[in-house]
């Protein structure tokens, strides 16, 4: 018997956004990432901003992902979530 998936649509979207960022995190040209994130998020710019800002805040000190961090911070509303990412990084 298969287990039922009990995730709501917002949670599924958050997972998809985070997975896309992780797949592209070491790319020097984040153009494809931003296009993928916009396609995934469709009209949920609020969830895109949260994922982008949180990820950027968490990884802001990593020199290997700076192109992605900079691109994510250009997402409207992302700066609002940077502090949440920093706090998660501190544990």
Protein backbone atom coordinates (compact mmCIF):
# COMPACT_ATOMS: atom_id res chain seq x y z
CA UNK A 1 0.00 0.00 0.00
CA UNK A 2 1.36 3.45 -0.92
CA UNK A 3 1.66 6.12 1.71
CA UNK A 4 -0.42 9.21 1.05
CA UNK A 5 1.31 12.52 0.65
CA UNK A 6 -0.05 15.00 3.17
CA UNK A 7 1.82 18.07 2.02
CA UNK A 8 -0.19 21.13 1.14
CA UNK A 9 0.39 23.02 -2.11
CA UNK A 10 2.46 25.79 -0.47
CA UNK A 11 4.79 23.24 1.13
CA UNK A 12 5.21 21.44 -2.18
CA UNK A 13 6.08 24.74 -3.85
CA UNK A 14 8.58 25.66 -1.13
CA UNK A 15 10.29 22.29 -1.57
CA UNK A 16 10.42 22.71 -5.36
CA UNK A 17 11.92 26.21 -5.05
CA UNK A 18 14.55 25.08 -2.55
CA UNK A 19 15.46 22.08 -4.70
CA UNK A 20 15.91 24.29 -7.77
CA UNK A 21 18.19 26.65 -5.87
CA UNK A 22 20.25 23.74 -4.57
CA UNK A 23 20.66 22.29 -8.08
CA UNK A 24 22.00 25.61 -9.38
CA UNK A 25 23.89 26.87 -6.33
CA UNK A 26 27.39 26.58 -7.84
CA UNK A 27 26.53 28.00 -11.26
CA UNK A 28 28.39 31.15 -12.15
CA UNK A 29 25.54 32.35 -14.35
CA UNK A 30 22.27 32.20 -12.39
CA UNK A 31 20.09 33.15 -15.37
CA UNK A 32 18.71 29.61 -15.76
CA UNK A 33 18.01 29.40 -12.04
CA UNK A 34 16.01 32.61 -11.97
CA UNK A 35 14.01 31.51 -15.02
CA UNK A 36 13.29 28.15 -13.39
CA UNK A 37 12.25 29.79 -10.11
CA UNK A 38 9.87 32.15 -11.88
CA UNK A 39 8.36 29.25 -13.84
CA UNK A 40 7.93 27.13 -10.71
CA UNK A 41 6.48 29.90 -8.55
CA UNK A 42 4.05 31.17 -11.21
CA UNK A 43 2.10 33.82 -9.29
CA UNK A 44 3.39 32.99 -5.79
CA UNK A 45 6.03 35.71 -5.64
CA UNK A 46 5.64 35.70 -1.84
CA UNK A 47 6.92 32.12 -1.58
CA UNK A 48 9.62 32.83 -4.14
CA UNK A 49 10.78 35.84 -2.12
CA UNK A 50 10.85 33.78 1.08
CA UNK A 51 12.84 30.94 -0.49
CA UNK A 52 15.26 33.32 -2.21
CA UNK A 53 15.88 35.56 0.78
CA UNK A 54 16.20 32.75 3.29
CA UNK A 55 18.62 30.83 1.09
CA UNK A 56 20.67 33.96 0.37
CA UNK A 57 20.86 34.85 4.06
CA UNK A 58 21.92 31.34 5.02
CA UNK A 59 24.64 31.16 2.34
CA UNK A 60 25.74 34.80 2.14
CA UNK A 61 29.25 34.11 3.50
CA UNK A 62 29.98 31.20 1.14
CA UNK A 63 32.34 32.52 -1.55
CA UNK A 64 31.46 29.68 -3.94
CA UNK A 65 27.79 30.65 -4.31
CA UNK A 66 27.99 34.44 -4.57
CA UNK A 67 26.54 34.72 -8.10
CA UNK A 68 23.44 32.85 -6.93
CA UNK A 69 23.20 34.85 -3.69
CA UNK A 70 23.33 38.13 -5.64
CA UNK A 71 20.70 36.94 -8.13
CA UNK A 72 18.38 35.74 -5.37
CA UNK A 73 18.61 39.08 -3.61
CA UNK A 74 17.23 40.72 -6.76
CA UNK A 75 13.95 38.82 -6.35
CA UNK A 76 11.35 41.36 -5.16
CA UNK A 77 10.80 40.94 -1.43
CA UNK A 78 13.81 38.68 -0.85
CA UNK A 79 15.63 41.07 1.49
CA UNK A 80 12.77 40.73 3.95
CA UNK A 81 13.79 37.07 4.51
CA UNK A 82 17.59 37.39 4.68
CA UNK A 83 17.65 37.62 8.47
CA UNK A 84 15.66 34.39 8.77
CA UNK A 85 18.35 32.65 6.70
CA UNK A 86 21.12 34.11 8.83
CA UNK A 87 19.40 32.90 11.98
CA UNK A 88 18.97 29.39 10.57
CA UNK A 89 22.66 29.32 9.71
CA UNK A 90 23.60 30.16 13.30
CA UNK A 91 21.51 27.22 14.45
